């Protein structure tokens, strides 16, 4: 007997899907702002004169980039309580996503910093600018312009990986999809619809980031 598609349940499920999508967007907004900000400090610290600081940042980046995100999430949510640190599922998700995002974007930002010619730093220093001002006003804007496409891609990847946090009962889009298919027994239709929602969110977020970046830091980036 052939399988008959049935999307009759969809109208009553719009609220759950919208709620899950809203949580996913919330998680990626918080994670992106925190992760990119921390990665700027991390990339700068990794290029500082302090060997211990450089090694600490390098070790953190290597550990996070070479272990599964799911394991990192479980360590925070299930492991930390053994040390007396209990976190709400949403807080755990945000912390795990931020730590993961920071590790990857630290390398991306670092590549951008290395791409800025040293002569520009030297010229700015010759004008009497303080080192921090040279970094903020001269180096960082140029670095962000170089790495903006890669940074945008990493944010999209992190948004898609946020589906993993459904494993600790964070009510994001994948969690709501799991609940819907368990309720309706329409797994194909449920995950087909949710796939389209993720696709729309990814395309929309990418376009939004490029539009904002073009105006803020990317100039005439195509």
C-alpha atoms as a PDB file:
ATOM      1  CA  UNK A   1       0.000   0.000   0.000  1.00  0.00           C
ATOM      2  CA  UNK A   2       1.372   3.410  -0.952  1.00  0.00           C
ATOM      3  CA  UNK A   3       2.086   6.060   1.648  1.00  0.00           C
ATOM      4  CA  UNK A   4      -0.468   8.898   1.623  1.00  0.00           C
ATOM      5  CA  UNK A   5       0.842  12.312   2.536  1.00  0.00           C
ATOM      6  CA  UNK A   6      -1.194  14.181   5.127  1.00  0.00           C
ATOM      7  CA  UNK A   7      -0.480  17.764   6.143  1.00  0.00           C
ATOM      8  CA  UNK A   8      -3.820  18.288   7.844  1.00  0.00           C
ATOM      9  CA  UNK A   9      -2.110  18.491  11.237  1.00  0.00           C
ATOM     10  CA  UNK A  10       0.063  21.425  10.154  1.00  0.00           C
ATOM     11  CA  UNK A  11      -2.430  24.208  10.876  1.00  0.00           C
ATOM     12  CA  UNK A  12      -2.672  23.207  14.523  1.00  0.00           C
ATOM     13  CA  UNK A  13       1.106  22.830  14.787  1.00  0.00           C
ATOM     14  CA  UNK A  14       2.086  26.273  13.500  1.00  0.00           C
ATOM     15  CA  UNK A  15       2.321  27.632  17.043  1.00  0.00           C
ATOM     16  CA  UNK A  16       4.740  24.900  18.147  1.00  0.00           C
ATOM     17  CA  UNK A  17       6.895  25.306  15.050  1.00  0.00           C
ATOM     18  CA  UNK A  18       6.992  29.085  15.448  1.00  0.00           C
ATOM     19  CA  UNK A  19       7.870  28.764  19.125  1.00  0.00           C
ATOM     20  CA  UNK A  20      10.697  26.353  18.347  1.00  0.00           C
ATOM     21  CA  UNK A  21      12.013  28.577  15.565  1.00  0.00           C
ATOM     22  CA  UNK A  22      11.916  31.585  17.912  1.00  0.00           C
ATOM     23  CA  UNK A  23      13.994  29.701  20.494  1.00  0.00           C
ATOM     24  CA  UNK A  24      16.501  28.690  17.820  1.00  0.00           C
ATOM     25  CA  UNK A  25      16.823  32.315  16.707  1.00  0.00           C
ATOM     26  CA  UNK A  26      17.209  33.473  20.307  1.00  0.00           C
ATOM     27  CA  UNK A  27      19.977  30.952  20.923  1.00  0.00           C
ATOM     28  CA  UNK A  28      21.945  31.917  17.812  1.00  0.00           C
ATOM     29  CA  UNK A  29      21.603  35.666  18.452  1.00  0.00           C
ATOM     30  CA  UNK A  30      22.947  35.343  22.006  1.00  0.00           C
ATOM     31  CA  UNK A  31      25.631  32.880  20.937  1.00  0.00           C
ATOM     32  CA  UNK A  32      26.775  34.962  17.973  1.00  0.00           C
ATOM     33  CA  UNK A  33      27.103  38.198  19.923  1.00  0.00           C
ATOM     34  CA  UNK A  34      28.886  36.541  22.851  1.00  0.00           C
ATOM     35  CA  UNK A  35      30.996  34.182  20.729  1.00  0.00           C
ATOM     36  CA  UNK A  36      32.244  36.769  18.239  1.00  0.00           C
ATOM     37  CA  UNK A  37      32.998  39.272  21.009  1.00  0.00           C
ATOM     38  CA  UNK A  38      34.961  36.696  23.003  1.00  0.00           C
ATOM     39  CA  UNK A  39      36.754  35.492  19.881  1.00  0.00           C
ATOM     40  CA  UNK A  40      38.091  38.989  19.237  1.00  0.00           C
ATOM     41  CA  UNK A  41      39.657  38.992  22.691  1.00  0.00           C
ATOM     42  CA  UNK A  42      40.799  35.398  22.178  1.00  0.00           C
ATOM     43  CA  UNK A  43      42.452  36.128  18.839  1.00  0.00           C
ATOM     44  CA  UNK A  44      44.188  39.196  20.271  1.00  0.00           C
ATOM     45  CA  UNK A  45      45.324  37.244  23.344  1.00  0.00           C
ATOM     46  CA  UNK A  46      46.681  34.450  21.172  1.00  0.00           C
ATOM     47  CA  UNK A  47      48.960  37.044  19.556  1.00  0.00           C
ATOM     48  CA  UNK A  48      50.024  38.729  22.779  1.00  0.00           C
ATOM     49  CA  UNK A  49      53.509  38.746  24.284  1.00  0.00           C
ATOM     50  CA  UNK A  50      52.446  36.551  27.193  1.00  0.00           C
ATOM     51  CA  UNK A  51      53.391  32.936  26.459  1.00  0.00           C
ATOM     52  CA  UNK A  52      51.124  31.444  29.126  1.00  0.00           C
ATOM     53  CA  UNK A  53      48.111  33.312  27.759  1.00  0.00           C
ATOM     54  CA  UNK A  54      48.925  32.268  24.194  1.00  0.00           C
ATOM     55  CA  UNK A  55      49.255  28.623  25.200  1.00  0.00           C
ATOM     56  CA  UNK A  56      46.034  28.702  27.243  1.00  0.00           C
ATOM     57  CA  UNK A  57      44.018  30.091  24.328  1.00  0.00           C
ATOM     58  CA  UNK A  58      45.634  27.644  21.901  1.00  0.00           C
ATOM     59  CA  UNK A  59      44.831  24.704  24.202  1.00  0.00           C
ATOM     60  CA  UNK A  60      41.211  25.822  24.585  1.00  0.00           C
ATOM     61  CA  UNK A  61      40.790  26.146  20.817  1.00  0.00           C
ATOM     62  CA  UNK A  62      42.325  22.720  20.169  1.00  0.00           C
ATOM     63  CA  UNK A  63      40.211  20.985  22.823  1.00  0.00           C
ATOM     64  CA  UNK A  64      36.929  22.442  21.612  1.00  0.00           C
ATOM     65  CA  UNK A  65      37.647  22.008  17.906  1.00  0.00           C
ATOM     66  CA  UNK A  66      38.683  18.376  18.353  1.00  0.00           C
ATOM     67  CA  UNK A  67      35.790  17.149  20.477  1.00  0.00           C
ATOM     68  CA  UNK A  68      32.130  16.666  19.446  1.00  0.00           C
ATOM     69  CA  UNK A  69      29.711  19.479  20.242  1.00  0.00           C
ATOM     70  CA  UNK A  70      27.287  16.928  21.710  1.00  0.00           C
ATOM     71  CA  UNK A  71      29.945  15.780  24.197  1.00  0.00           C
ATOM     72  CA  UNK A  72      30.655  19.388  25.167  1.00  0.00           C
ATOM     73  CA  UNK A  73      26.941  19.973  25.714  1.00  0.00           C
ATOM     74  CA  UNK A  74      26.554  16.815  27.827  1.00  0.00           C
ATOM     75  CA  UNK A  75      29.653  17.687  29.860  1.00  0.00           C
ATOM     76  CA  UNK A  76      28.134  21.048  30.779  1.00  0.00           C
ATOM     77  CA  UNK A  77      24.595  19.820  31.422  1.00  0.00           C
ATOM     78  CA  UNK A  78      25.246  16.386  32.950  1.00  0.00           C
ATOM     79  CA  UNK A  79      28.868  16.637  34.068  1.00  0.00           C
ATOM     80  CA  UNK A  80      29.018  19.969  35.893  1.00  0.00           C
ATOM     81  CA  UNK A  81      26.234  19.046  38.365  1.00  0.00           C
ATOM     82  CA  UNK A  82      28.670  16.450  39.776  1.00  0.00           C
ATOM     83  CA  UNK A  83      30.774  19.447  40.814  1.00  0.00           C
ATOM     84  CA  UNK A  84      27.767  21.229  42.287  1.00  0.00           C
ATOM     85  CA  UNK A  85      27.182  23.445  39.260  1.00  0.00           C
ATOM     86  CA  UNK A  86      23.618  23.029  38.019  1.00  0.00           C
ATOM     87  CA  UNK A  87      22.489  25.017  35.004  1.00  0.00           C
ATOM     88  CA  UNK A  88      19.127  25.459  33.353  1.00  0.00           C
ATOM     89  CA  UNK A  89      18.886  23.633  29.974  1.00  0.00           C
ATOM     90  CA  UNK A  90      18.671  26.908  28.044  1.00  0.00           C
ATOM     91  CA  UNK A  91      21.644  28.366  29.931  1.00  0.00           C
ATOM     92  CA  UNK A  92      23.586  25.151  29.341  1.00  0.00           C
ATOM     93  CA  UNK A  93      22.783  25.331  25.634  1.00  0.00           C
ATOM     94  CA  UNK A  94      23.861  28.969  25.383  1.00  0.00           C
ATOM     95  CA  UNK A  95      27.096  28.265  27.279  1.00  0.00           C
ATOM     96  CA  UNK A  96      27.978  25.224  25.162  1.00  0.00           C
ATOM     97  CA  UNK A  97      27.175  27.009  21.913  1.00  0.00           C
ATOM     98  CA  UNK A  98      29.123  30.109  22.938  1.00  0.00           C
ATOM     99  CA  UNK A  99      32.199  28.130  23.938  1.00  0.00           C
ATOM    100  CA  UNK A 100      32.053  26.180  20.681  1.00  0.00           C
ATOM    101  CA  UNK A 101      31.470  29.272  18.571  1.00  0.00           C
ATOM    102  CA  UNK A 102      34.284  31.158  20.308  1.00  0.00           C
ATOM    103  CA  UNK A 103      36.828  28.437  19.576  1.00  0.00           C
ATOM    104  CA  UNK A 104      36.079  28.365  15.869  1.00  0.00           C
ATOM    105  CA  UNK A 105      35.708  32.114  15.395  1.00  0.00           C
ATOM    106  CA  UNK A 106      38.907  32.789  17.331  1.00  0.00           C
ATOM    107  CA  UNK A 107      40.783  31.129  14.485  1.00  0.00           C
ATOM    108  CA  UNK A 108      38.729  32.973  11.884  1.00  0.00           C
ATOM    109  CA  UNK A 109      39.279  36.361  13.509  1.00  0.00           C
ATOM    110  CA  UNK A 110      42.944  35.527  14.001  1.00  0.00           C
ATOM    111  CA  UNK A 111      43.324  34.874  10.274  1.00  0.00           C
ATOM    112  CA  UNK A 112      41.813  38.286   9.616  1.00  0.00           C
ATOM    113  CA  UNK A 113      44.187  39.980  12.039  1.00  0.00           C
ATOM    114  CA  UNK A 114      47.162  38.308  10.380  1.00  0.00           C
ATOM    115  CA  UNK A 115      45.934  39.517   6.977  1.00  0.00           C
ATOM    116  CA  UNK A 116      46.245  43.194   7.949  1.00  0.00           C
ATOM    117  CA  UNK A 117      49.656  44.515   6.789  1.00  0.00           C
ATOM    118  CA  UNK A 118      52.039  45.236   9.660  1.00  0.00           C
ATOM    119  CA  UNK A 119      52.937  48.514   8.009  1.00  0.00           C
ATOM    120  CA  UNK A 120      49.523  49.896   8.930  1.00  0.00           C
ATOM    121  CA  UNK A 121      50.126  49.177  12.606  1.00  0.00           C
ATOM    122  CA  UNK A 122      53.531  50.791  12.397  1.00  0.00           C
ATOM    123  CA  UNK A 123      52.165  53.849  10.617  1.00  0.00           C
ATOM    124  CA  UNK A 124      49.408  54.263  13.224  1.00  0.00           C
ATOM    125  CA  UNK A 125      51.921  53.866  16.057  1.00  0.00           C
ATOM    126  CA  UNK A 126      54.151  56.476  14.411  1.00  0.00           C
ATOM    127  CA  UNK A 127      51.251  58.909  14.619  1.00  0.00           C
ATOM    128  CA  UNK A 128      51.206  58.425  18.375  1.00  0.00           C
ATOM    129  CA  UNK A 129      48.091  56.283  18.670  1.00  0.00           C
ATOM    130  CA  UNK A 130      47.803  54.009  21.674  1.00  0.00           C
ATOM    131  CA  UNK A 131      48.107  50.247  20.893  1.00  0.00           C
ATOM    132  CA  UNK A 132      44.502  49.542  21.894  1.00  0.00           C
ATOM    133  CA  UNK A 133      43.284  52.364  19.681  1.00  0.00           C
ATOM    134  CA  UNK A 134      45.341  51.051  16.758  1.00  0.00           C
ATOM    135  CA  UNK A 135      43.715  47.647  17.247  1.00  0.00           C
ATOM    136  CA  UNK A 136      40.149  48.976  17.533  1.00  0.00           C
ATOM    137  CA  UNK A 137      40.284  51.685  14.880  1.00  0.00           C
ATOM    138  CA  UNK A 138      42.786  50.356  12.330  1.00  0.00           C
ATOM    139  CA  UNK A 139      43.349  46.614  12.582  1.00  0.00           C
ATOM    140  CA  UNK A 140      40.011  45.157  13.678  1.00  0.00           C
ATOM    141  CA  UNK A 141      37.749  46.825  11.052  1.00  0.00           C
ATOM    142  CA  UNK A 142      40.011  45.630   8.234  1.00  0.00           C
ATOM    143  CA  UNK A 143      40.229  42.142   9.720  1.00  0.00           C
ATOM    144  CA  UNK A 144      36.455  41.865  10.041  1.00  0.00           C
ATOM    145  CA  UNK A 145      36.020  42.939   6.442  1.00  0.00           C
ATOM    146  CA  UNK A 146      38.346  40.164   5.297  1.00  0.00           C
ATOM    147  CA  UNK A 147      36.788  37.394   7.354  1.00  0.00           C
ATOM    148  CA  UNK A 148      33.135  38.468   7.258  1.00  0.00           C
ATOM    149  CA  UNK A 149      31.990  35.760   4.781  1.00  0.00           C
ATOM    150  CA  UNK A 150      33.675  33.028   6.848  1.00  0.00           C
ATOM    151  CA  UNK A 151      32.247  34.490  10.036  1.00  0.00           C
ATOM    152  CA  UNK A 152      28.770  34.495   8.529  1.00  0.00           C
ATOM    153  CA  UNK A 153      29.118  30.853   7.469  1.00  0.00           C
ATOM    154  CA  UNK A 154      30.220  29.868  10.967  1.00  0.00           C
ATOM    155  CA  UNK A 155      27.168  31.552  12.480  1.00  0.00           C
ATOM    156  CA  UNK A 156      24.904  29.649  10.074  1.00  0.00           C
ATOM    157  CA  UNK A 157      26.660  26.382  10.916  1.00  0.00           C
ATOM    158  CA  UNK A 158      26.193  27.056  14.623  1.00  0.00           C
ATOM    159  CA  UNK A 159      22.506  27.761  14.106  1.00  0.00           C
ATOM    160  CA  UNK A 160      22.094  24.402  12.367  1.00  0.00           C
ATOM    161  CA  UNK A 161      24.120  22.620  15.058  1.00  0.00           C
ATOM    162  CA  UNK A 162      21.799  24.091  17.683  1.00  0.00           C
ATOM    163  CA  UNK A 163      19.448  21.212  16.818  1.00  0.00           C
ATOM    164  CA  UNK A 164      21.645  19.117  19.119  1.00  0.00           C
ATOM    165  CA  UNK A 165      20.441  21.002  22.210  1.00  0.00           C
ATOM    166  CA  UNK A 166      17.083  19.265  21.814  1.00  0.00           C
ATOM    167  CA  UNK A 167      18.874  16.359  23.539  1.00  0.00           C
ATOM    168  CA  UNK A 168      18.757  18.247  26.846  1.00  0.00           C
ATOM    169  CA  UNK A 169      15.084  19.244  26.394  1.00  0.00           C
ATOM    170  CA  UNK A 170      15.618  22.782  25.129  1.00  0.00           C
ATOM    171  CA  UNK A 171      12.403  23.559  23.284  1.00  0.00           C
ATOM    172  CA  UNK A 172      13.948  24.720  20.033  1.00  0.00           C
ATOM    173  CA  UNK A 173      12.835  23.768  16.529  1.00  0.00           C
ATOM    174  CA  UNK A 174      14.088  20.174  16.450  1.00  0.00           C
ATOM    175  CA  UNK A 175      12.648  19.451  19.900  1.00  0.00           C
ATOM    176  CA  UNK A 176       9.240  20.695  18.783  1.00  0.00           C
ATOM    177  CA  UNK A 177       9.534  18.598  15.614  1.00  0.00           C
ATOM    178  CA  UNK A 178      10.222  15.504  17.705  1.00  0.00           C
ATOM    179  CA  UNK A 179       7.152  16.227  19.843  1.00  0.00           C
ATOM    180  CA  UNK A 180       4.988  16.762  16.762  1.00  0.00           C
ATOM    181  CA  UNK A 181       5.993  13.558  15.027  1.00  0.00           C
ATOM    182  CA  UNK A 182       5.459  11.604  18.248  1.00  0.00           C
ATOM    183  CA  UNK A 183       1.976  13.109  18.505  1.00  0.00           C
ATOM    184  CA  UNK A 184       0.916  12.846  14.854  1.00  0.00           C
ATOM    185  CA  UNK A 185       2.948   9.797  13.716  1.00  0.00           C
ATOM    186  CA  UNK A 186       3.653  11.763  10.520  1.00  0.00           C
ATOM    187  CA  UNK A 187       7.455  11.674  10.642  1.00  0.00           C
ATOM    188  CA  UNK A 188       8.011  12.336   6.925  1.00  0.00           C
ATOM    189  CA  UNK A 189       5.714  15.350   6.781  1.00  0.00           C
ATOM    190  CA  UNK A 190       6.954  16.751  10.104  1.00  0.00           C
ATOM    191  CA  UNK A 191      10.636  16.657   9.276  1.00  0.00           C
ATOM    192  CA  UNK A 192       9.972  17.795   5.711  1.00  0.00           C
ATOM    193  CA  UNK A 193       8.264  20.933   7.025  1.00  0.00           C
ATOM    194  CA  UNK A 194      10.963  21.521   9.648  1.00  0.00           C
ATOM    195  CA  UNK A 195      13.671  21.077   6.999  1.00  0.00           C
ATOM    196  CA  UNK A 196      12.020  23.835   4.974  1.00  0.00           C
ATOM    197  CA  UNK A 197      11.875  26.048   8.074  1.00  0.00           C
ATOM    198  CA  UNK A 198      15.584  25.535   8.746  1.00  0.00           C
ATOM    199  CA  UNK A 199      16.335  26.265   5.097  1.00  0.00           C
ATOM    200  CA  UNK A 200      14.324  29.486   5.202  1.00  0.00           C
ATOM    201  CA  UNK A 201      15.989  30.533   8.468  1.00  0.00           C
ATOM    202  CA  UNK A 202      19.467  29.851   7.087  1.00  0.00           C
ATOM    203  CA  UNK A 203      18.879  31.784   3.879  1.00  0.00           C
ATOM    204  CA  UNK A 204      17.177  34.628   5.735  1.00  0.00           C
ATOM    205  CA  UNK A 205      19.904  34.888   8.369  1.00  0.00           C
ATOM    206  CA  UNK A 206      22.661  34.818   5.756  1.00  0.00           C
ATOM    207  CA  UNK A 207      21.028  37.610   3.777  1.00  0.00           C
ATOM    208  CA  UNK A 208      20.409  39.638   6.918  1.00  0.00           C
ATOM    209  CA  UNK A 209      24.023  39.282   8.040  1.00  0.00           C
ATOM    210  CA  UNK A 210      25.386  40.225   4.628  1.00  0.00           C
ATOM    211  CA  UNK A 211      23.081  43.229   4.416  1.00  0.00           C
ATOM    212  CA  UNK A 212      24.117  44.375   7.895  1.00  0.00           C
ATOM    213  CA  UNK A 213      27.776  43.652   7.190  1.00  0.00           C
ATOM    214  CA  UNK A 214      27.730  45.488   3.891  1.00  0.00           C
ATOM    215  CA  UNK A 215      26.458  48.571   5.680  1.00  0.00           C
ATOM    216  CA  UNK A 216      28.543  48.312   8.850  1.00  0.00           C
ATOM    217  CA  UNK A 217      31.946  46.933   7.937  1.00  0.00           C
ATOM    218  CA  UNK A 218      32.049  45.279   4.561  1.00  0.00           C
ATOM    219  CA  UNK A 219      31.753  48.283   2.301  1.00  0.00           C
ATOM    220  CA  UNK A 220      31.174  47.108  -1.223  1.00  0.00           C
ATOM    221  CA  UNK A 221      31.247  43.366  -0.511  1.00  0.00           C
ATOM    222  CA  UNK A 222      29.246  41.499  -3.097  1.00  0.00           C
END
